Amino acid sequence: QVQLVESGGGLVQPGGSLRLSCAGSGFTFSGYVMRWYRQAPGKERELVASITDTGRGTNYADSVKGRFTISRDNAKNTLYLQMNSVLPEDTAVYYCNTYVVRINYWGQGTQVTVSS
């Protein structure tokens, strides 16, 4: 059974940093593209960043380019999102995602609040 469990969210001041983690289990983690999405109150869920199975290829939403870094440790079955220079508009629930055998899997989400 595929499971994705996010952690690392919390309250951070504008300009600060936070690192999110997503632990995957129940599938061959190293064989799949992984993604981070986020959903702010009253808004649709949006793709933040994606990373290829090997970790060599990454893509970012324009709104986070140069500030966020997606990475993975296939030995630990863990996905990361390093968030630097955060802005109030980064406030959202962040979700880990993967697509395995034609099924979209999501974690439960972790809340990130950027506020002074």
Protein backbone atom coordinates (compact mmCIF):
# COMPACT_ATOMS: atom_id res chain seq x y z
CA GLN A 1 0.00 0.00 0.00
CA VAL A 2 1.47 3.31 -1.10
CA GLN A 3 1.91 5.79 1.75
CA LEU A 4 3.31 9.30 1.77
CA VAL A 5 3.86 11.08 5.08
CA GLU A 6 4.87 14.73 5.17
CA SER A 7 6.53 16.50 8.08
CA GLY A 8 8.42 19.69 8.86
CA GLY A 9 5.72 22.32 8.49
CA GLY A 10 5.15 25.09 10.99
CA LEU A 11 5.18 28.82 11.61
CA VAL A 12 8.07 30.78 10.08
CA GLN A 13 8.77 34.48 9.77
CA PRO A 14 9.01 36.17 6.36
CA GLY A 15 12.52 35.73 5.01
CA GLY A 16 13.07 32.61 7.06
CA SER A 17 13.67 28.99 6.06
CA LEU A 18 11.95 25.67 6.52
CA ARG A 19 12.61 22.14 5.27
CA LEU A 20 9.76 19.78 4.50
CA SER A 21 10.18 16.02 4.30
CA CYS A 22 8.04 13.28 2.77
CA ALA A 23 8.62 9.64 3.64
CA GLY A 24 7.42 7.17 1.04
CA SER A 25 6.60 3.50 1.54
CA GLY A 26 4.75 0.67 -0.20
CA PHE A 27 6.34 1.29 -3.59
CA THR A 28 9.76 1.44 -5.22
CA PHE A 29 10.48 5.04 -4.28
CA SER A 30 13.56 5.31 -6.49
CA GLY A 31 11.58 4.46 -9.59
CA TYR A 32 9.15 7.37 -9.65
CA VAL A 33 8.92 11.08 -10.22
CA MET A 34 7.99 12.90 -7.02
CA ARG A 35 6.24 16.24 -6.64
CA TRP A 36 5.36 18.89 -4.08
CA TYR A 37 2.04 20.67 -4.36
CA ARG A 38 0.49 23.32 -2.16
CA GLN A 39 -2.98 24.64 -1.52
CA ALA A 40 -3.70 28.00 0.05
CA PRO A 41 -7.12 28.82 1.58
CA GLY A 42 -9.66 29.51 -1.13
CA LYS A 43 -7.27 28.59 -3.92
CA GLU A 44 -6.73 25.57 -6.12
CA ARG A 45 -3.93 23.12 -5.45
CA GLU A 46 -0.84 24.08 -7.44
CA LEU A 47 2.34 22.28 -8.44
CA VAL A 48 5.36 23.70 -6.63
CA ALA A 49 8.20 21.47 -7.78
CA SER A 50 8.97 18.08 -9.27
CA ILE A 51 12.01 15.82 -9.39
CA THR A 52 12.89 12.87 -11.60
CA ASP A 53 13.43 9.36 -10.25
CA THR A 54 17.22 9.77 -10.17
CA GLY A 55 17.07 13.30 -8.84
CA ARG A 56 19.02 14.71 -11.76
CA GLY A 57 16.09 16.66 -13.19
CA THR A 58 14.01 19.26 -11.37
CA ASN A 59 11.30 21.77 -12.26
CA TYR A 60 9.82 24.65 -10.30
CA ALA A 61 6.85 26.96 -10.39
CA ASP A 62 7.91 30.48 -11.33
CA SER A 63 6.72 31.73 -7.95
CA VAL A 64 9.32 29.67 -6.05
CA LYS A 65 12.27 29.57 -8.47
CA GLY A 66 15.50 30.60 -6.80
CA ARG A 67 13.99 30.25 -3.31
CA PHE A 68 12.91 26.58 -3.02
CA THR A 69 14.93 23.45 -3.72
CA ILE A 70 13.49 20.00 -4.22
CA SER A 71 15.70 16.98 -3.54
CA ARG A 72 15.45 13.31 -2.69
CA ASP A 73 17.37 10.59 -0.89
CA ASN A 74 16.44 7.31 -2.54
CA ALA A 75 18.38 5.34 0.07
CA LYS A 76 16.04 6.76 2.72
CA ASN A 77 12.89 6.81 0.55
CA THR A 78 12.52 10.48 1.39
CA LEU A 79 11.63 13.59 -0.58
CA TYR A 80 12.58 17.09 0.61
CA LEU A 81 11.62 20.68 -0.06
CA GLN A 82 14.04 23.32 1.21
CA MET A 83 12.19 26.61 1.47
CA ASN A 84 14.31 29.76 1.78
CA SER A 85 13.39 33.45 1.77
CA VAL A 86 9.78 32.52 2.41
CA LEU A 87 6.99 35.02 1.76
CA PRO A 88 3.52 35.36 3.30
CA GLU A 89 2.08 34.10 0.02
CA ASP A 90 3.89 30.79 0.58
CA THR A 91 1.39 30.06 3.36
CA ALA A 92 -0.43 26.86 2.40
CA VAL A 93 -0.81 23.18 3.10
CA TYR A 94 2.01 21.38 1.31
CA TYR A 95 1.43 17.92 -0.15
CA CYS A 96 3.75 15.23 -1.39
CA ASN A 97 2.59 13.43 -4.55
CA THR A 98 3.45 10.57 -6.83
CA TYR A 99 1.73 8.69 -9.65
CA VAL A 100 2.08 4.91 -9.42
CA VAL A 101 0.38 2.44 -11.76
CA ARG A 102 -2.10 5.06 -13.01
CA ILE A 103 -3.13 6.15 -9.50
CA ASN A 104 -2.36 9.54 -7.97
CA TYR A 105 -1.22 9.28 -4.36
CA TRP A 106 -1.15 12.12 -1.85
CA GLY A 107 0.13 12.58 1.65
CA GLN A 108 -2.00 14.10 4.40
CA GLY A 109 -0.29 17.47 4.00
CA THR A 110 1.73 19.69 6.30
CA GLN A 111 0.76 23.27 7.14
CA VAL A 112 3.25 26.06 6.44
CA THR A 113 2.37 29.50 7.81
CA VAL A 114 4.56 32.50 7.00
CA SER A 115 3.82 35.35 9.37
CA SER A 116 5.54 37.81 11.64
